């Protein structure tokens, strides 16, 4: 049996096939995953019902299994600051680079060959899409 927080077989297989700089999308309930899929992306549907499974639950599970070095979100309108972005930044920590991209550039980045996993969630909060870049596993003796 597995002894980790992440036990979903398809997600584990996709992460195992990914490497440094691969991209993983946590898609909110409004994101069109089928229409923005890159050639190497595996889609996993966890969107059972509105609010189930939410993006933060998925992020916690992914972080228990894989290091991330960067995160990208879709740039919201100037008059709206999505509260979930602050929560993402807090969970990811200061060592994870944070980027915002214009909507169409964000879609284009997701549909690149670098995206290896797209997880469709039931997340209902606005602008909750989160594109993560896989980092490097650091050994205890390394400090880069």
N, C-alpha and C. Protein backbone atom coordinates (compact mmCIF):
# COMPACT_ATOMS: atom_id res chain seq x y z
N UNK A 1 0.84 -1.19 0.00
CA UNK A 1 0.00 0.00 0.00
C UNK A 1 0.87 1.25 0.00
N UNK A 2 0.30 2.30 -0.51
CA UNK A 2 1.00 3.58 -0.51
C UNK A 2 0.91 4.22 0.87
N UNK A 3 1.95 4.93 1.22
CA UNK A 3 1.99 5.60 2.51
C UNK A 3 2.27 7.08 2.27
N UNK A 4 1.35 7.74 1.55
CA UNK A 4 1.51 9.16 1.28
C UNK A 4 0.13 9.80 1.23
N UNK A 5 0.10 11.11 1.14
CA UNK A 5 -1.16 11.84 1.06
C UNK A 5 -1.82 11.69 -0.30
N UNK A 6 -1.03 11.40 -1.33
CA UNK A 6 -1.55 11.28 -2.69
C UNK A 6 -1.59 9.81 -3.07
N UNK A 7 -2.80 9.30 -3.33
CA UNK A 7 -2.94 7.89 -3.67
C UNK A 7 -3.67 7.68 -5.00
N UNK A 8 -4.06 8.73 -5.70
CA UNK A 8 -4.81 8.61 -6.94
C UNK A 8 -3.91 8.02 -8.03
N UNK A 9 -4.24 6.85 -8.57
CA UNK A 9 -3.32 6.17 -9.49
C UNK A 9 -3.02 6.94 -10.78
N UNK A 10 -4.00 7.59 -11.38
CA UNK A 10 -3.74 8.33 -12.62
C UNK A 10 -2.86 9.56 -12.37
N UNK A 11 -3.09 10.23 -11.27
CA UNK A 11 -2.28 11.41 -10.94
C UNK A 11 -0.85 10.97 -10.64
N UNK A 12 -0.69 9.91 -9.88
CA UNK A 12 0.65 9.40 -9.59
C UNK A 12 1.38 8.99 -10.87
N UNK A 13 0.68 8.34 -11.79
CA UNK A 13 1.30 7.92 -13.05
C UNK A 13 1.73 9.14 -13.87
N UNK A 14 0.89 10.16 -13.94
CA UNK A 14 1.24 11.36 -14.70
C UNK A 14 2.42 12.09 -14.06
N UNK A 15 2.44 12.19 -12.75
CA UNK A 15 3.56 12.83 -12.07
C UNK A 15 4.85 12.03 -12.26
N UNK A 16 4.72 10.71 -12.21
CA UNK A 16 5.88 9.85 -12.41
C UNK A 16 6.47 9.98 -13.81
N UNK A 17 5.63 10.28 -14.79
CA UNK A 17 6.10 10.45 -16.16
C UNK A 17 6.57 11.88 -16.44
N UNK A 18 6.33 12.77 -15.52
CA UNK A 18 6.72 14.17 -15.67
C UNK A 18 8.17 14.35 -15.22
N UNK A 19 8.73 15.46 -15.56
CA UNK A 19 10.08 15.76 -15.13
C UNK A 19 10.21 17.23 -14.80
N UNK A 20 11.44 17.64 -14.51
CA UNK A 20 11.74 19.02 -14.20
C UNK A 20 11.20 19.92 -15.31
N UNK A 21 10.53 20.98 -14.96
CA UNK A 21 9.90 21.97 -15.84
C UNK A 21 8.56 21.52 -16.42
N UNK A 22 8.12 20.30 -16.14
CA UNK A 22 6.79 19.89 -16.59
C UNK A 22 5.75 20.75 -15.88
N UNK A 23 4.60 20.89 -16.50
CA UNK A 23 3.54 21.73 -15.95
C UNK A 23 2.34 20.88 -15.54
N UNK A 24 1.75 21.24 -14.41
CA UNK A 24 0.56 20.58 -13.88
C UNK A 24 -0.49 21.65 -13.63
N UNK A 25 -1.68 21.47 -14.21
CA UNK A 25 -2.75 22.43 -14.04
C UNK A 25 -3.78 21.91 -13.06
N UNK A 26 -4.09 22.73 -12.07
CA UNK A 26 -5.27 22.51 -11.24
C UNK A 26 -6.32 23.44 -11.83
N UNK A 27 -7.33 22.86 -12.48
CA UNK A 27 -8.34 23.65 -13.19
C UNK A 27 -9.58 23.84 -12.32
N UNK A 28 -10.09 25.07 -12.30
CA UNK A 28 -11.32 25.30 -11.56
C UNK A 28 -12.51 24.76 -12.37
N UNK A 29 -13.68 24.82 -11.77
CA UNK A 29 -14.88 24.25 -12.38
C UNK A 29 -15.33 24.91 -13.66
N UNK A 30 -14.77 26.05 -14.00
CA UNK A 30 -15.15 26.76 -15.23
C UNK A 30 -14.14 26.62 -16.36
N UNK A 31 -13.01 26.00 -16.09
CA UNK A 31 -11.95 25.93 -17.10
C UNK A 31 -12.26 24.85 -18.13
N UNK A 32 -12.16 25.18 -19.42
CA UNK A 32 -12.43 24.21 -20.48
C UNK A 32 -11.23 23.29 -20.74
N UNK A 33 -11.08 22.24 -19.93
CA UNK A 33 -9.89 21.39 -20.03
C UNK A 33 -9.77 20.72 -21.40
N UNK A 34 -10.84 20.22 -21.96
CA UNK A 34 -10.76 19.51 -23.24
C UNK A 34 -10.29 20.42 -24.37
N UNK A 35 -10.71 21.67 -24.37
CA UNK A 35 -10.37 22.60 -25.43
C UNK A 35 -9.01 23.25 -25.30
N UNK A 36 -8.33 23.04 -24.18
CA UNK A 36 -7.03 23.67 -23.95
C UNK A 36 -5.96 22.65 -23.60
N UNK A 37 -6.17 21.45 -24.04
CA UNK A 37 -5.27 20.34 -23.71
C UNK A 37 -4.07 20.34 -24.65
N UNK A 38 -2.90 20.24 -24.06
CA UNK A 38 -1.68 20.11 -24.85
C UNK A 38 -1.50 18.68 -25.32
N UNK A 39 -0.56 18.44 -26.21
CA UNK A 39 -0.38 17.11 -26.78
C UNK A 39 0.10 16.05 -25.80
N UNK A 40 0.69 16.45 -24.68
CA UNK A 40 1.22 15.50 -23.71
C UNK A 40 0.43 15.45 -22.40
N UNK A 41 -0.68 16.16 -22.35
CA UNK A 41 -1.43 16.29 -21.10
C UNK A 41 -2.41 15.15 -20.88
N UNK A 42 -2.33 14.60 -19.68
CA UNK A 42 -3.33 13.63 -19.24
C UNK A 42 -4.36 14.41 -18.44
N UNK A 43 -5.64 14.17 -18.71
CA UNK A 43 -6.71 14.84 -17.97
C UNK A 43 -7.26 13.88 -16.93
N UNK A 44 -7.36 14.37 -15.69
CA UNK A 44 -7.98 13.61 -14.61
C UNK A 44 -9.17 14.43 -14.12
N UNK A 45 -10.34 13.83 -14.14
CA UNK A 45 -11.56 14.52 -13.71
C UNK A 45 -11.86 14.20 -12.25
N UNK A 46 -11.77 15.22 -11.42
CA UNK A 46 -12.14 15.11 -10.01
C UNK A 46 -13.35 15.99 -9.72
N UNK A 47 -13.99 16.49 -10.77
CA UNK A 47 -15.11 17.43 -10.62
C UNK A 47 -16.44 16.68 -10.50
N UNK A 48 -16.64 16.10 -9.33
CA UNK A 48 -17.83 15.31 -9.05
C UNK A 48 -19.08 16.17 -8.97
N UNK A 49 -19.00 17.29 -8.28
CA UNK A 49 -20.12 18.20 -8.07
C UNK A 49 -19.53 19.57 -7.76
N UNK A 50 -20.33 20.64 -7.91
CA UNK A 50 -19.79 21.96 -7.56
C UNK A 50 -19.20 21.97 -6.15
N UNK A 51 -17.94 22.41 -6.06
CA UNK A 51 -17.25 22.47 -4.78
C UNK A 51 -16.52 21.19 -4.41
N UNK A 52 -16.73 20.12 -5.16
CA UNK A 52 -16.10 18.83 -4.87
C UNK A 52 -15.34 18.37 -6.11
N UNK A 53 -14.18 18.09 -6.06
CA UNK A 53 -13.13 18.30 -5.09
C UNK A 53 -12.59 19.71 -5.32
N UNK A 54 -12.25 20.44 -4.27
CA UNK A 54 -11.81 21.82 -4.44
C UNK A 54 -10.31 21.89 -4.75
N UNK A 55 -9.88 23.01 -5.27
CA UNK A 55 -8.50 23.21 -5.72
C UNK A 55 -7.48 23.13 -4.59
N UNK A 56 -7.82 23.61 -3.41
CA UNK A 56 -6.86 23.58 -2.30
C UNK A 56 -6.59 22.16 -1.82
N UNK A 57 -7.59 21.32 -1.85
CA UNK A 57 -7.39 19.91 -1.49
C UNK A 57 -6.45 19.24 -2.48
N UNK A 58 -6.64 19.53 -3.76
CA UNK A 58 -5.77 18.97 -4.79
C UNK A 58 -4.35 19.50 -4.63
N UNK A 59 -4.20 20.79 -4.38
CA UNK A 59 -2.87 21.37 -4.19
C UNK A 59 -2.15 20.71 -3.02
N UNK A 60 -2.83 20.53 -1.91
CA UNK A 60 -2.20 19.89 -0.75
C UNK A 60 -1.71 18.48 -1.10
N UNK A 61 -2.53 17.72 -1.81
CA UNK A 61 -2.14 16.36 -2.18
C UNK A 61 -0.94 16.38 -3.13
N UNK A 62 -0.95 17.27 -4.12
CA UNK A 62 0.17 17.36 -5.06
C UNK A 62 1.46 17.75 -4.35
N UNK A 63 1.36 18.72 -3.44
CA UNK A 63 2.56 19.18 -2.73
C UNK A 63 3.15 18.10 -1.84
N UNK A 64 2.34 17.14 -1.43
CA UNK A 64 2.86 16.06 -0.61
C UNK A 64 3.68 15.07 -1.43
N UNK A 65 3.56 15.15 -2.76
CA UNK A 65 4.22 14.17 -3.63
C UNK A 65 5.29 14.75 -4.54
N UNK A 66 5.22 16.04 -4.83
CA UNK A 66 6.08 16.63 -5.86
C UNK A 66 6.54 18.02 -5.46
N UNK A 67 7.80 18.34 -5.71
CA UNK A 67 8.25 19.72 -5.46
C UNK A 67 7.85 20.62 -6.64
N UNK A 68 7.50 21.83 -6.34
CA UNK A 68 7.17 22.80 -7.39
C UNK A 68 8.09 24.01 -7.25
N UNK A 69 8.48 24.58 -8.39
CA UNK A 69 9.38 25.73 -8.37
C UNK A 69 8.72 27.01 -8.84
N UNK A 70 7.56 26.89 -9.51
CA UNK A 70 6.88 28.09 -9.99
C UNK A 70 5.38 27.83 -10.08
N UNK A 71 4.62 28.91 -9.97
CA UNK A 71 3.17 28.86 -10.09
C UNK A 71 2.71 30.04 -10.94
N UNK A 72 1.74 29.77 -11.80
CA UNK A 72 1.20 30.81 -12.67
C UNK A 72 -0.32 30.79 -12.57
N UNK A 73 -0.90 31.97 -12.46
CA UNK A 73 -2.35 32.12 -12.43
C UNK A 73 -2.77 33.07 -13.55
N UNK A 74 -4.06 33.03 -13.86
CA UNK A 74 -4.61 33.96 -14.84
C UNK A 74 -4.79 35.32 -14.18
N UNK A 75 -4.35 36.36 -14.85
CA UNK A 75 -4.45 37.72 -14.32
C UNK A 75 -5.92 38.12 -14.23
N UNK A 76 -6.38 38.50 -13.05
CA UNK A 76 -7.77 38.91 -12.89
C UNK A 76 -7.97 40.35 -13.37
N UNK A 77 -9.21 40.80 -13.47
CA UNK A 77 -9.46 42.20 -13.79
C UNK A 77 -8.83 43.11 -12.73
N UNK A 78 -8.51 44.32 -13.11
CA UNK A 78 -7.82 45.26 -12.21
C UNK A 78 -8.61 45.53 -10.94
N UNK A 79 -9.93 45.41 -10.99
CA UNK A 79 -10.76 45.73 -9.82
C UNK A 79 -11.09 44.50 -8.97
N UNK A 80 -10.39 43.37 -9.20
CA UNK A 80 -10.69 42.17 -8.44
C UNK A 80 -9.41 41.45 -8.02
N UNK A 81 -9.29 41.19 -6.74
CA UNK A 81 -8.13 40.45 -6.20
C UNK A 81 -8.66 39.13 -5.65
N UNK A 82 -8.47 38.02 -6.39
CA UNK A 82 -9.00 36.73 -5.93
C UNK A 82 -8.38 36.30 -4.60
N UNK A 83 -9.17 36.10 -3.57
CA UNK A 83 -8.63 35.66 -2.28
C UNK A 83 -7.88 34.33 -2.38
N UNK A 84 -8.27 33.47 -3.29
CA UNK A 84 -7.60 32.18 -3.40
C UNK A 84 -6.14 32.33 -3.83
N UNK A 85 -5.80 33.40 -4.53
CA UNK A 85 -4.41 33.61 -4.93
C UNK A 85 -3.52 33.79 -3.70
N UNK A 86 -4.01 34.53 -2.71
CA UNK A 86 -3.24 34.70 -1.46
C UNK A 86 -3.05 33.36 -0.75
N UNK A 87 -4.10 32.54 -0.77
CA UNK A 87 -4.01 31.23 -0.12
C UNK A 87 -3.01 30.34 -0.85
N UNK A 88 -3.05 30.37 -2.19
CA UNK A 88 -2.07 29.60 -2.96
C UNK A 88 -0.64 30.02 -2.60
N UNK A 89 -0.41 31.32 -2.60
CA UNK A 89 0.94 31.82 -2.31
C UNK A 89 1.41 31.41 -0.93
N UNK A 90 0.51 31.46 0.03
CA UNK A 90 0.85 31.07 1.40
C UNK A 90 1.21 29.57 1.45
N UNK A 91 0.39 28.74 0.82
CA UNK A 91 0.64 27.30 0.84
C UNK A 91 1.93 26.94 0.09
N UNK A 92 2.19 27.58 -1.03
CA UNK A 92 3.36 27.26 -1.84
C UNK A 92 4.65 27.76 -1.21
N UNK A 93 4.58 28.86 -0.50
CA UNK A 93 5.76 29.40 0.18
C UNK A 93 6.58 30.34 -0.70
N UNK A 94 7.50 31.01 -0.06
CA UNK A 94 8.30 32.04 -0.72
C UNK A 94 9.29 31.50 -1.75
N UNK A 95 9.64 30.23 -1.67
CA UNK A 95 10.60 29.66 -2.62
C UNK A 95 10.00 29.34 -3.98
N UNK A 96 8.68 29.39 -4.09
CA UNK A 96 8.01 29.11 -5.36
C UNK A 96 7.74 30.43 -6.07
N UNK A 97 8.29 30.59 -7.27
CA UNK A 97 8.10 31.82 -8.05
C UNK A 97 6.62 31.98 -8.40
N UNK A 98 6.14 33.21 -8.36
CA UNK A 98 4.73 33.51 -8.60
C UNK A 98 4.61 34.37 -9.85
N UNK A 99 3.72 33.97 -10.77
CA UNK A 99 3.51 34.70 -12.02
C UNK A 99 2.03 34.86 -12.30
N UNK A 100 1.68 35.98 -12.93
CA UNK A 100 0.33 36.19 -13.44
C UNK A 100 0.44 36.41 -14.93
N UNK A 101 -0.50 35.83 -15.69
CA UNK A 101 -0.49 35.98 -17.15
C UNK A 101 -1.87 36.40 -17.64
N UNK A 102 -1.87 37.17 -18.70
CA UNK A 102 -3.10 37.54 -19.40
C UNK A 102 -3.81 36.25 -19.83
N UNK A 103 -5.13 36.30 -19.88
CA UNK A 103 -5.96 35.11 -20.12
C UNK A 103 -5.51 34.28 -21.31
N UNK A 104 -5.35 34.88 -22.47
CA UNK A 104 -5.06 34.09 -23.68
C UNK A 104 -3.63 33.56 -23.65
N UNK A 105 -2.72 34.29 -23.07
CA UNK A 105 -1.34 33.80 -22.91
C UNK A 105 -1.33 32.62 -21.92
N UNK A 106 -2.15 32.70 -20.89
CA UNK A 106 -2.28 31.61 -19.92
C UNK A 106 -2.79 30.35 -20.61
N UNK A 107 -3.85 30.48 -21.42
CA UNK A 107 -4.38 29.33 -22.16
C UNK A 107 -3.31 28.74 -23.08
N UNK A 108 -2.57 29.61 -23.74
CA UNK A 108 -1.52 29.13 -24.65
C UNK A 108 -0.43 28.38 -23.89
N UNK A 109 -0.05 28.89 -22.74
CA UNK A 109 0.98 28.22 -21.92
C UNK A 109 0.50 26.83 -21.50
N UNK A 110 -0.75 26.72 -21.12
CA UNK A 110 -1.31 25.44 -20.70
C UNK A 110 -1.33 24.43 -21.85
N UNK A 111 -1.62 24.88 -23.05
CA UNK A 111 -1.74 23.96 -24.18
C UNK A 111 -0.39 23.57 -24.79
N UNK A 112 0.70 23.96 -24.14
CA UNK A 112 2.04 23.63 -24.64
C UNK A 112 2.37 22.15 -24.36
N UNK A 113 3.37 21.61 -25.05
CA UNK A 113 3.80 20.23 -24.78
C UNK A 113 4.33 20.02 -23.36
N UNK A 114 4.67 21.07 -22.65
CA UNK A 114 5.20 20.94 -21.29
C UNK A 114 4.14 20.53 -20.27
N UNK A 115 2.88 20.73 -20.59
CA UNK A 115 1.82 20.37 -19.66
C UNK A 115 1.58 18.87 -19.74
N UNK A 116 1.81 18.20 -18.60
CA UNK A 116 1.69 16.74 -18.56
C UNK A 116 0.46 16.26 -17.79
N UNK A 117 -0.16 17.15 -17.03
CA UNK A 117 -1.31 16.75 -16.21
C UNK A 117 -2.25 17.93 -16.05
N UNK A 118 -3.54 17.68 -16.28
CA UNK A 118 -4.59 18.66 -16.05
C UNK A 118 -5.61 18.00 -15.13
N UNK A 119 -5.84 18.61 -13.98
CA UNK A 119 -6.79 18.05 -13.01
C UNK A 119 -8.01 18.96 -12.97
N UNK A 120 -9.15 18.45 -13.45
CA UNK A 120 -10.40 19.19 -13.43
C UNK A 120 -11.02 19.03 -12.04
N UNK A 121 -11.25 20.15 -11.39
CA UNK A 121 -11.84 20.13 -10.05
C UNK A 121 -13.24 20.73 -10.08
N UNK A 122 -13.92 20.63 -8.97
CA UNK A 122 -15.22 21.27 -8.82
C UNK A 122 -15.11 22.63 -8.16
N UNK A 123 -13.90 23.19 -8.15
CA UNK A 123 -13.64 24.49 -7.51
C UNK A 123 -14.55 25.56 -8.11
N UNK A 124 -15.23 26.32 -7.23
CA UNK A 124 -16.17 27.34 -7.67
C UNK A 124 -15.65 28.77 -7.52
N UNK A 125 -14.54 28.96 -6.81
CA UNK A 125 -14.02 30.32 -6.65
C UNK A 125 -13.49 30.83 -7.99
N UNK A 126 -13.68 32.12 -8.22
CA UNK A 126 -13.23 32.74 -9.47
C UNK A 126 -11.71 32.81 -9.53
N UNK A 127 -11.18 32.65 -10.74
CA UNK A 127 -9.74 32.75 -11.02
C UNK A 127 -8.93 31.77 -10.16
N UNK A 128 -9.44 30.56 -10.02
CA UNK A 128 -8.78 29.56 -9.18
C UNK A 128 -7.87 28.63 -9.97
N UNK A 129 -7.75 28.80 -11.28
CA UNK A 129 -6.85 27.96 -12.07
C UNK A 129 -5.42 28.22 -11.61
N UNK A 130 -4.66 27.13 -11.44
CA UNK A 130 -3.29 27.23 -10.96
C UNK A 130 -2.41 26.30 -11.78
N UNK A 131 -1.44 26.89 -12.48
CA UNK A 131 -0.49 26.12 -13.28
C UNK A 131 0.82 26.04 -12.51
N UNK A 132 1.21 24.81 -12.19
CA UNK A 132 2.41 24.57 -11.39
C UNK A 132 3.53 24.02 -12.26
N UNK A 133 4.75 24.43 -11.95
CA UNK A 133 5.92 23.92 -12.66
C UNK A 133 6.71 23.01 -11.72
N UNK A 134 6.92 21.78 -12.17
CA UNK A 134 7.62 20.79 -11.36
C UNK A 134 9.07 21.23 -11.13
N UNK A 135 9.50 21.11 -9.90
CA UNK A 135 10.86 21.48 -9.53
C UNK A 135 11.76 20.27 -9.41
N UNK A 136 12.81 20.42 -8.65
CA UNK A 136 13.82 19.39 -8.48
C UNK A 136 13.76 18.85 -7.05
N UNK A 137 13.93 17.57 -6.91
CA UNK A 137 14.05 16.99 -5.58
C UNK A 137 15.46 17.28 -5.09
N UNK A 138 15.56 17.99 -3.98
CA UNK A 138 16.87 18.33 -3.43
C UNK A 138 17.29 17.31 -2.38
N UNK A 139 18.51 16.87 -2.48
CA UNK A 139 19.06 15.99 -1.46
C UNK A 139 19.41 16.79 -0.22
N UNK A 140 19.47 16.15 0.90
CA UNK A 140 19.76 16.84 2.16
C UNK A 140 21.08 17.59 2.11
N UNK A 141 22.03 17.11 1.31
CA UNK A 141 23.34 17.75 1.23
C UNK A 141 23.41 18.87 0.20
N UNK A 142 22.33 19.12 -0.55
CA UNK A 142 22.34 20.15 -1.58
C UNK A 142 21.66 21.42 -1.08
N UNK A 143 22.14 22.54 -1.57
CA UNK A 143 21.55 23.83 -1.17
C UNK A 143 21.48 24.78 -2.35
N UNK A 144 20.88 24.37 -3.45
CA UNK A 144 20.73 25.25 -4.62
C UNK A 144 19.32 25.70 -4.80
